[in-house]
Amino acid sequence: MMFPLLVVLLVFLTGGVFFAATGLITPFADATKAAAKAAADTVATAPLAPDSNAVAQAATPEELQAAVAGETLFKGNCAQCHAVNEVVVGPALGGLHMRRPVAWLIPWIKNSSKVVASGDEYAVKIFNQYQKQQMPSFQLSDQEITSILAYLKTESGAMARASTVALN
């Protein structure tokens, strides 16, 4: 009697793992949304230093949800060569939202070689500054790139708040 139940349970677990791995189902989607909402609520109500230029003060729950998604995308696509605060293979990306507009960043992230080949002055400068090391092209949607940028903006704001608190 117990053996058939174990077989059925094993089949369901195996199927669930398969469908989750292929992206056909997202078993923790509700938990992720709940965690993002909790993070948004925490950041929205957290006390900030009065002289801090914290990005999170103006962040909406939607922006914070995008940042949560962007963190995963950043770790899976960007973290091999970039960090928020440190130069790795490529430049540190903290404060990127203040250096370049999104309209420039999206084509750069999708295909930096094309932007360099176009003669864009800033693109050529970065390319030369990092020993003509080409950033790989990414097949990310504009929304995914925007999520990564939201994550970087949030991290930049967190670093600004931390440094302000450390100075006080």
N, C-alpha and C. Protein backbone atom coordinates (compact mmCIF):
# COMPACT_ATOMS: atom_id res chain seq x y z
N MET A 1 0.82 -1.19 0.00
CA MET A 1 0.00 0.00 0.00
C MET A 1 0.86 1.26 0.00
N MET A 2 1.95 1.27 0.71
CA MET A 2 2.80 2.44 0.82
C MET A 2 3.62 2.67 -0.44
N PHE A 3 4.03 1.60 -1.11
CA PHE A 3 4.86 1.72 -2.30
C PHE A 3 4.19 2.53 -3.41
N PRO A 4 2.94 2.26 -3.78
CA PRO A 4 2.31 3.06 -4.84
C PRO A 4 2.22 4.55 -4.48
N LEU A 5 1.99 4.86 -3.23
CA LEU A 5 1.95 6.26 -2.81
C LEU A 5 3.31 6.94 -2.97
N LEU A 6 4.36 6.22 -2.64
CA LEU A 6 5.71 6.77 -2.80
C LEU A 6 6.04 6.98 -4.27
N VAL A 7 5.61 6.06 -5.12
CA VAL A 7 5.85 6.20 -6.56
C VAL A 7 5.11 7.43 -7.10
N VAL A 8 3.87 7.62 -6.70
CA VAL A 8 3.09 8.77 -7.14
C VAL A 8 3.75 10.07 -6.65
N LEU A 9 4.19 10.08 -5.41
CA LEU A 9 4.86 11.25 -4.86
C LEU A 9 6.15 11.55 -5.63
N LEU A 10 6.92 10.52 -5.94
CA LEU A 10 8.16 10.69 -6.69
C LEU A 10 7.87 11.24 -8.09
N VAL A 11 6.82 10.75 -8.74
CA VAL A 11 6.45 11.23 -10.07
C VAL A 11 6.08 12.71 -10.01
N PHE A 12 5.29 13.10 -9.03
CA PHE A 12 4.91 14.51 -8.90
C PHE A 12 6.11 15.40 -8.61
N LEU A 13 6.98 14.98 -7.73
CA LEU A 13 8.17 15.76 -7.42
C LEU A 13 9.08 15.91 -8.63
N THR A 14 9.30 14.81 -9.35
CA THR A 14 10.14 14.85 -10.54
C THR A 14 9.52 15.77 -11.59
N GLY A 15 8.23 15.66 -11.80
CA GLY A 15 7.55 16.53 -12.76
C GLY A 15 7.63 17.99 -12.35
N GLY A 16 7.44 18.24 -11.07
CA GLY A 16 7.53 19.62 -10.58
C GLY A 16 8.90 20.21 -10.79
N VAL A 17 9.95 19.44 -10.50
CA VAL A 17 11.31 19.92 -10.70
C VAL A 17 11.56 20.18 -12.18
N PHE A 18 11.09 19.28 -13.05
CA PHE A 18 11.27 19.45 -14.50
C PHE A 18 10.58 20.72 -14.98
N PHE A 19 9.32 20.90 -14.61
CA PHE A 19 8.59 22.07 -15.08
C PHE A 19 9.17 23.37 -14.51
N ALA A 20 9.64 23.32 -13.29
CA ALA A 20 10.26 24.51 -12.70
C ALA A 20 11.57 24.83 -13.41
N ALA A 21 12.36 23.81 -13.71
CA ALA A 21 13.64 24.03 -14.39
C ALA A 21 13.46 24.57 -15.80
N THR A 22 12.40 24.19 -16.47
CA THR A 22 12.16 24.67 -17.83
C THR A 22 11.44 26.01 -17.84
N GLY A 23 11.00 26.48 -16.69
CA GLY A 23 10.33 27.76 -16.61
C GLY A 23 8.84 27.69 -16.93
N LEU A 24 8.31 26.49 -17.08
CA LEU A 24 6.90 26.35 -17.40
C LEU A 24 6.01 26.66 -16.20
N ILE A 25 6.55 26.48 -15.01
CA ILE A 25 5.85 26.90 -13.80
C ILE A 25 6.86 27.62 -12.92
N THR A 26 6.37 28.48 -12.07
CA THR A 26 7.22 29.17 -11.11
C THR A 26 6.67 28.88 -9.72
N PRO A 27 7.20 27.83 -9.09
CA PRO A 27 6.61 27.38 -7.82
C PRO A 27 6.70 28.38 -6.70
N PHE A 28 7.65 29.30 -6.75
CA PHE A 28 7.82 30.23 -5.65
C PHE A 28 7.46 31.66 -6.05
N ALA A 29 6.69 31.80 -7.12
CA ALA A 29 6.35 33.14 -7.61
C ALA A 29 5.64 33.96 -6.54
N ASP A 30 4.68 33.35 -5.86
CA ASP A 30 3.96 34.09 -4.82
C ASP A 30 4.89 34.46 -3.67
N ALA A 31 5.80 33.55 -3.31
CA ALA A 31 6.74 33.83 -2.23
C ALA A 31 7.68 34.96 -2.64
N THR A 32 8.12 34.96 -3.91
CA THR A 32 9.01 36.02 -4.39
C THR A 32 8.30 37.36 -4.36
N LYS A 33 7.04 37.39 -4.80
CA LYS A 33 6.27 38.63 -4.77
C LYS A 33 6.08 39.11 -3.34
N ALA A 34 5.81 38.18 -2.44
CA ALA A 34 5.63 38.55 -1.04
C ALA A 34 6.93 39.09 -0.45
N ALA A 35 8.05 38.46 -0.81
CA ALA A 35 9.34 38.93 -0.31
C ALA A 35 9.66 40.31 -0.86
N ALA A 36 9.36 40.53 -2.14
CA ALA A 36 9.61 41.84 -2.74
C ALA A 36 8.75 42.91 -2.07
N LYS A 37 7.48 42.57 -1.80
CA LYS A 37 6.60 43.52 -1.14
C LYS A 37 7.09 43.81 0.27
N ALA A 38 7.54 42.77 0.98
CA ALA A 38 8.06 42.97 2.33
C ALA A 38 9.31 43.85 2.29
N ALA A 39 10.17 43.62 1.30
CA ALA A 39 11.37 44.45 1.17
C ALA A 39 10.99 45.89 0.87
N ALA A 40 10.01 46.06 0.00
CA ALA A 40 9.56 47.41 -0.34
C ALA A 40 9.00 48.12 0.88
N ASP A 41 8.20 47.40 1.67
CA ASP A 41 7.62 47.98 2.88
C ASP A 41 8.71 48.35 3.89
N THR A 42 9.72 47.47 4.02
CA THR A 42 10.80 47.72 4.96
C THR A 42 11.60 48.95 4.55
N VAL A 43 11.95 49.02 3.27
CA VAL A 43 12.74 50.15 2.79
C VAL A 43 11.94 51.44 2.89
N ALA A 44 10.65 51.36 2.58
CA ALA A 44 9.81 52.57 2.60
C ALA A 44 9.66 53.13 4.00
N THR A 45 9.71 52.27 5.02
CA THR A 45 9.52 52.75 6.39
C THR A 45 10.82 52.86 7.18
N ALA A 46 11.94 52.49 6.56
CA ALA A 46 13.22 52.54 7.28
C ALA A 46 13.63 53.99 7.50
N PRO A 47 14.17 54.28 8.69
CA PRO A 47 14.64 55.64 8.93
C PRO A 47 15.91 55.90 8.12
N LEU A 48 16.00 57.08 7.54
CA LEU A 48 17.16 57.44 6.74
C LEU A 48 17.82 58.66 7.34
N ALA A 49 19.09 58.77 7.09
CA ALA A 49 19.81 59.96 7.54
C ALA A 49 19.23 61.17 6.84
N PRO A 50 19.04 62.27 7.54
CA PRO A 50 18.39 63.43 6.94
C PRO A 50 19.14 64.00 5.74
N ASP A 51 20.48 63.91 5.71
CA ASP A 51 21.23 64.47 4.60
C ASP A 51 21.55 63.44 3.52
N SER A 52 20.99 62.25 3.63
CA SER A 52 21.22 61.19 2.66
C SER A 52 20.47 61.48 1.38
N ASN A 53 21.10 61.16 0.23
CA ASN A 53 20.41 61.29 -1.05
C ASN A 53 19.91 59.91 -1.46
N ALA A 54 19.31 59.21 -0.53
CA ALA A 54 18.91 57.82 -0.72
C ALA A 54 17.90 57.68 -1.84
N VAL A 55 18.21 56.78 -2.74
CA VAL A 55 17.33 56.49 -3.86
C VAL A 55 16.04 55.86 -3.37
N ALA A 56 16.12 55.07 -2.32
CA ALA A 56 14.96 54.33 -1.85
C ALA A 56 13.85 55.23 -1.34
N GLN A 57 14.16 56.47 -1.00
CA GLN A 57 13.11 57.36 -0.53
C GLN A 57 12.03 57.55 -1.59
N ALA A 58 12.44 57.58 -2.85
CA ALA A 58 11.48 57.80 -3.94
C ALA A 58 11.05 56.49 -4.59
N ALA A 59 11.61 55.36 -4.17
CA ALA A 59 11.32 54.09 -4.82
C ALA A 59 9.90 53.63 -4.52
N THR A 60 9.23 53.19 -5.57
CA THR A 60 7.89 52.63 -5.43
C THR A 60 8.00 51.13 -5.23
N PRO A 61 6.95 50.48 -4.77
CA PRO A 61 7.00 49.02 -4.66
C PRO A 61 7.32 48.34 -6.01
N GLU A 62 6.83 48.93 -7.10
CA GLU A 62 7.11 48.35 -8.42
C GLU A 62 8.60 48.44 -8.74
N GLU A 63 9.22 49.58 -8.40
CA GLU A 63 10.65 49.74 -8.63
C GLU A 63 11.45 48.76 -7.78
N LEU A 64 11.00 48.53 -6.56
CA LEU A 64 11.71 47.60 -5.70
C LEU A 64 11.51 46.16 -6.16
N GLN A 65 10.35 45.83 -6.70
CA GLN A 65 10.15 44.49 -7.28
C GLN A 65 11.06 44.31 -8.48
N ALA A 66 11.20 45.34 -9.30
CA ALA A 66 12.11 45.27 -10.45
C ALA A 66 13.54 45.06 -9.96
N ALA A 67 13.90 45.72 -8.87
CA ALA A 67 15.25 45.58 -8.32
C ALA A 67 15.50 44.16 -7.83
N VAL A 68 14.50 43.54 -7.22
CA VAL A 68 14.64 42.15 -6.76
C VAL A 68 14.89 41.23 -7.96
N ALA A 69 14.10 41.42 -9.02
CA ALA A 69 14.30 40.62 -10.24
C ALA A 69 15.65 40.94 -10.86
N GLY A 70 16.05 42.22 -10.82
CA GLY A 70 17.32 42.64 -11.38
C GLY A 70 18.51 42.04 -10.67
N GLU A 71 18.39 41.82 -9.37
CA GLU A 71 19.48 41.22 -8.62
C GLU A 71 19.79 39.82 -9.15
N THR A 72 18.74 39.04 -9.39
CA THR A 72 18.92 37.69 -9.93
C THR A 72 19.57 37.75 -11.31
N LEU A 73 19.07 38.65 -12.16
CA LEU A 73 19.63 38.79 -13.50
C LEU A 73 21.08 39.26 -13.44
N PHE A 74 21.37 40.20 -12.54
CA PHE A 74 22.74 40.70 -12.39
C PHE A 74 23.68 39.57 -12.00
N LYS A 75 23.28 38.80 -11.01
CA LYS A 75 24.14 37.71 -10.53
C LYS A 75 24.35 36.65 -11.61
N GLY A 76 23.34 36.44 -12.45
CA GLY A 76 23.46 35.42 -13.49
C GLY A 76 24.15 35.87 -14.76
N ASN A 77 24.21 37.18 -15.00
CA ASN A 77 24.75 37.67 -16.26
C ASN A 77 25.92 38.64 -16.12
N CYS A 78 25.98 39.39 -15.05
CA CYS A 78 26.92 40.51 -14.97
C CYS A 78 28.02 40.32 -13.92
N ALA A 79 27.71 39.59 -12.84
CA ALA A 79 28.59 39.54 -11.67
C ALA A 79 29.94 38.86 -11.96
N GLN A 80 30.06 38.14 -13.07
CA GLN A 80 31.34 37.52 -13.39
C GLN A 80 32.39 38.59 -13.72
N CYS A 81 31.93 39.72 -14.25
CA CYS A 81 32.86 40.77 -14.68
C CYS A 81 32.67 42.10 -13.96
N HIS A 82 31.56 42.26 -13.25
CA HIS A 82 31.26 43.54 -12.61
C HIS A 82 30.85 43.35 -11.16
N ALA A 83 31.11 44.38 -10.38
CA ALA A 83 30.59 44.49 -9.02
C ALA A 83 30.00 45.89 -8.89
N VAL A 84 29.27 46.12 -7.84
CA VAL A 84 28.67 47.43 -7.66
C VAL A 84 29.75 48.44 -7.26
N ASN A 85 30.61 48.05 -6.34
CA ASN A 85 31.58 48.97 -5.75
C ASN A 85 33.01 48.81 -6.24
N GLU A 86 33.32 47.70 -6.90
CA GLU A 86 34.71 47.39 -7.23
C GLU A 86 34.88 47.14 -8.72
N VAL A 87 36.04 47.49 -9.23
CA VAL A 87 36.41 47.14 -10.59
C VAL A 87 36.80 45.67 -10.57
N VAL A 88 36.20 44.89 -11.44
CA VAL A 88 36.57 43.47 -11.57
C VAL A 88 37.25 43.37 -12.93
N VAL A 89 36.62 42.76 -13.91
CA VAL A 89 37.12 42.79 -15.29
C VAL A 89 36.66 44.08 -15.94
N GLY A 90 35.42 44.45 -15.65
CA GLY A 90 34.84 45.69 -16.16
C GLY A 90 34.67 46.68 -15.02
N PRO A 91 34.15 47.85 -15.34
CA PRO A 91 34.04 48.91 -14.32
C PRO A 91 33.03 48.58 -13.22
N ALA A 92 33.21 49.23 -12.08
CA ALA A 92 32.23 49.16 -11.00
C ALA A 92 30.95 49.84 -11.50
N LEU A 93 29.80 49.28 -11.16
CA LEU A 93 28.55 49.77 -11.72
C LEU A 93 27.71 50.60 -10.75
N GLY A 94 28.22 50.86 -9.56
CA GLY A 94 27.52 51.73 -8.63
C GLY A 94 27.41 53.13 -9.22
N GLY A 95 26.25 53.72 -9.15
CA GLY A 95 26.03 55.07 -9.68
C GLY A 95 25.90 55.11 -11.20
N LEU A 96 25.78 53.96 -11.84
CA LEU A 96 25.67 53.90 -13.29
C LEU A 96 24.51 54.74 -13.81
N HIS A 97 23.41 54.74 -13.05
CA HIS A 97 22.22 55.50 -13.46
C HIS A 97 22.49 57.00 -13.54
N MET A 98 23.57 57.47 -12.90
CA MET A 98 23.92 58.89 -12.96
C MET A 98 24.94 59.18 -14.06
N ARG A 99 25.60 58.13 -14.56
CA ARG A 99 26.63 58.33 -15.59
C ARG A 99 26.10 58.26 -17.01
N ARG A 100 25.15 57.38 -17.25
CA ARG A 100 24.64 57.19 -18.61
C ARG A 100 23.12 57.04 -18.57
N PRO A 101 22.42 57.54 -19.59
CA PRO A 101 20.95 57.37 -19.63
C PRO A 101 20.58 55.94 -20.04
N VAL A 102 19.39 55.54 -19.65
CA VAL A 102 18.89 54.19 -19.98
C VAL A 102 18.89 53.97 -21.49
N ALA A 103 18.54 55.01 -22.25
CA ALA A 103 18.50 54.89 -23.71
C ALA A 103 19.88 54.55 -24.29
N TRP A 104 20.95 54.88 -23.60
CA TRP A 104 22.29 54.53 -24.03
C TRP A 104 22.68 53.15 -23.49
N LEU A 105 22.29 52.87 -22.26
CA LEU A 105 22.70 51.62 -21.61
C LEU A 105 22.09 50.37 -22.25
N ILE A 106 20.84 50.45 -22.67
CA ILE A 106 20.19 49.26 -23.24
C ILE A 106 20.94 48.76 -24.47
N PRO A 107 21.22 49.62 -25.48
CA PRO A 107 21.99 49.11 -26.62
C PRO A 107 23.40 48.66 -26.24
N TRP A 108 24.01 49.35 -25.27
CA TRP A 108 25.36 48.98 -24.82
C TRP A 108 25.35 47.57 -24.23
N ILE A 109 24.40 47.28 -23.38
CA ILE A 109 24.35 45.97 -22.73
C ILE A 109 24.01 44.89 -23.76
N LYS A 110 23.13 45.20 -24.69
CA LYS A 110 22.76 44.21 -25.70
C LYS A 110 23.91 43.91 -26.66
N ASN A 111 24.69 44.93 -27.04
CA ASN A 111 25.78 44.71 -27.99
C ASN A 111 26.76 45.87 -27.93
N SER A 112 27.69 45.80 -26.97
CA SER A 112 28.63 46.90 -26.77
C SER A 112 29.55 47.09 -27.98
N SER A 113 29.88 46.02 -28.67
CA SER A 113 30.75 46.12 -29.83
C SER A 113 30.14 47.01 -30.91
N LYS A 114 28.85 46.90 -31.08
CA LYS A 114 28.14 47.72 -32.08
C LYS A 114 28.19 49.19 -31.69
N VAL A 115 28.04 49.48 -30.39
CA VAL A 115 28.08 50.87 -29.93
C VAL A 115 29.49 51.43 -30.09
N VAL A 116 30.51 50.62 -29.80
CA VAL A 116 31.90 51.06 -30.00
C VAL A 116 32.15 51.31 -31.48
N ALA A 117 31.71 50.38 -32.33
CA ALA A 117 31.91 50.51 -33.78
C ALA A 117 31.20 51.73 -34.36
N SER A 118 30.13 52.18 -33.69
CA SER A 118 29.41 53.37 -34.18
C SER A 118 30.22 54.64 -33.96
N GLY A 119 31.28 54.55 -33.14
CA GLY A 119 32.11 55.71 -32.87
C GLY A 119 31.67 56.51 -31.66
N ASP A 120 30.71 56.01 -30.91
CA ASP A 120 30.25 56.70 -29.71
C ASP A 120 31.46 57.00 -28.82
N GLU A 121 31.64 58.27 -28.50
CA GLU A 121 32.83 58.73 -27.78
C GLU A 121 33.00 58.03 -26.42
N TYR A 122 31.92 57.96 -25.65
CA TYR A 122 32.01 57.35 -24.32
C TYR A 122 32.27 55.84 -24.43
N ALA A 123 31.62 55.18 -25.39
CA ALA A 123 31.81 53.75 -25.58
C ALA A 123 33.26 53.43 -25.95
N VAL A 124 33.83 54.22 -26.84
CA VAL A 124 35.23 54.03 -27.24
C VAL A 124 36.16 54.26 -26.06
N LYS A 125 35.85 55.28 -25.25
CA LYS A 125 36.67 55.57 -24.06
C LYS A 125 36.68 54.39 -23.09
N ILE A 126 35.50 53.83 -22.80
CA ILE A 126 35.41 52.68 -21.88
C ILE A 126 36.13 51.47 -22.47
N PHE A 127 35.91 51.23 -23.76
CA PHE A 127 36.55 50.10 -24.44
C PHE A 127 38.08 50.20 -24.32
N ASN A 128 38.62 51.38 -24.58
CA ASN A 128 40.07 51.57 -24.49
C ASN A 128 40.57 51.52 -23.05
N GLN A 129 39.79 52.06 -22.13
CA GLN A 129 40.18 52.10 -20.71
C GLN A 129 40.32 50.69 -20.13
N TYR A 130 39.54 49.74 -20.62
CA TYR A 130 39.58 48.38 -20.10
C TYR A 130 40.28 47.44 -21.08
N GLN A 131 41.41 47.90 -21.59
CA GLN A 131 42.30 47.12 -22.44
C GLN A 131 41.60 46.48 -23.64
N LYS A 132 40.66 47.20 -24.22
CA LYS A 132 39.92 46.76 -25.42
C LYS A 132 39.27 45.39 -25.21
N GLN A 133 38.90 45.14 -23.98
CA GLN A 133 38.17 43.91 -23.62
C GLN A 133 36.70 44.13 -23.96
N GLN A 134 36.17 43.32 -24.86
CA GLN A 134 34.78 43.49 -25.27
C GLN A 134 33.83 42.82 -24.28
N MET A 135 32.79 43.54 -23.95
CA MET A 135 31.74 42.96 -23.14
C MET A 135 30.91 42.05 -24.04
N PRO A 136 30.57 40.85 -23.57
CA PRO A 136 29.75 39.98 -24.41
C PRO A 136 28.38 40.57 -24.66
N SER A 137 27.79 40.21 -25.79
CA SER A 137 26.42 40.63 -26.09
C SER A 137 25.46 39.80 -25.25
N PHE A 138 24.36 40.41 -24.85
CA PHE A 138 23.37 39.71 -24.04
C PHE A 138 22.02 39.74 -24.74
N GLN A 139 21.34 38.63 -24.70
CA GLN A 139 20.01 38.50 -25.28
C GLN A 139 18.96 38.78 -24.20
N LEU A 140 19.07 39.92 -23.59
CA LEU A 140 18.14 40.33 -22.54
C LEU A 140 17.12 41.29 -23.14
N SER A 141 15.90 41.22 -22.63
CA SER A 141 14.88 42.16 -23.07
C SER A 141 15.14 43.53 -22.44
N ASP A 142 14.52 44.55 -23.00
CA ASP A 142 14.64 45.89 -22.42
C ASP A 142 14.17 45.90 -20.97
N GLN A 143 13.10 45.15 -20.69
CA GLN A 143 12.57 45.09 -19.32
C GLN A 143 13.57 44.42 -18.38
N GLU A 144 14.23 43.36 -18.83
CA GLU A 144 15.23 42.69 -17.99
C GLU A 144 16.40 43.64 -17.70
N ILE A 145 16.83 44.36 -18.72
CA ILE A 145 17.93 45.31 -18.52
C ILE A 145 17.50 46.41 -17.56
N THR A 146 16.28 46.89 -17.71
CA THR A 146 15.76 47.91 -16.81
C THR A 146 15.71 47.39 -15.37
N SER A 147 15.40 46.12 -15.20
CA SER A 147 15.39 45.52 -13.85
C SER A 147 16.80 45.49 -13.27
N ILE A 148 17.78 45.15 -14.09
CA ILE A 148 19.18 45.15 -13.62
C ILE A 148 19.57 46.57 -13.21
N LEU A 149 19.19 47.53 -14.02
CA LEU A 149 19.52 48.93 -13.70
C LEU A 149 18.82 49.39 -12.42
N ALA A 150 17.59 48.91 -12.19
CA ALA A 150 16.88 49.23 -10.95
C ALA A 150 17.62 48.64 -9.74
N TYR A 151 18.13 47.42 -9.91
CA TYR A 151 18.92 46.79 -8.84
C TYR A 151 20.17 47.61 -8.54
N LEU A 152 20.88 48.01 -9.60
CA LEU A 152 22.10 48.79 -9.41
C LEU A 152 21.80 50.13 -8.76
N LYS A 153 20.70 50.75 -9.15
CA LYS A 153 20.31 52.03 -8.56
C LYS A 153 20.00 51.86 -7.07
N THR A 154 19.29 50.78 -6.74
CA THR A 154 18.97 50.50 -5.34
C THR A 154 20.23 50.24 -4.53
N GLU A 155 21.15 49.45 -5.10
CA GLU A 155 22.41 49.16 -4.41
C GLU A 155 23.23 50.43 -4.24
N SER A 156 23.23 51.29 -5.24
CA SER A 156 23.97 52.56 -5.15
C SER A 156 23.40 53.41 -4.02
N GLY A 157 22.07 53.44 -3.91
CA GLY A 157 21.42 54.18 -2.83
C GLY A 157 21.73 53.59 -1.48
N ALA A 158 21.77 52.27 -1.40
CA ALA A 158 22.09 51.60 -0.13
C ALA A 158 23.52 51.93 0.29
N MET A 159 24.43 51.97 -0.68
CA MET A 159 25.82 52.31 -0.36
C MET A 159 25.93 53.75 0.11
N ALA A 160 25.17 54.65 -0.53
CA ALA A 160 25.20 56.06 -0.12
C ALA A 160 24.69 56.20 1.30
N ARG A 161 23.59 55.48 1.63
CA ARG A 161 23.04 55.54 2.99
C ARG A 161 24.03 54.99 3.99
N ALA A 162 24.68 53.87 3.65
CA ALA A 162 25.63 53.25 4.58
C ALA A 162 26.82 54.16 4.84
N SER A 163 27.32 54.82 3.80
CA SER A 163 28.47 55.71 4.00
C SER A 163 28.07 56.94 4.80
N THR A 164 26.85 57.42 4.62
CA THR A 164 26.37 58.57 5.39
C THR A 164 26.25 58.20 6.87
N VAL A 165 25.70 57.03 7.14
CA VAL A 165 25.55 56.56 8.52
C VAL A 165 26.92 56.35 9.14
N ALA A 166 27.88 55.80 8.39
CA ALA A 166 29.21 55.55 8.92
C ALA A 166 29.94 56.86 9.26
N LEU A 167 29.65 57.90 8.50
CA LEU A 167 30.30 59.18 8.76
C LEU A 167 29.74 59.91 9.95
N ASN A 168 28.50 59.59 10.32
CA ASN A 168 27.85 60.29 11.44
C ASN A 168 28.20 59.70 12.76
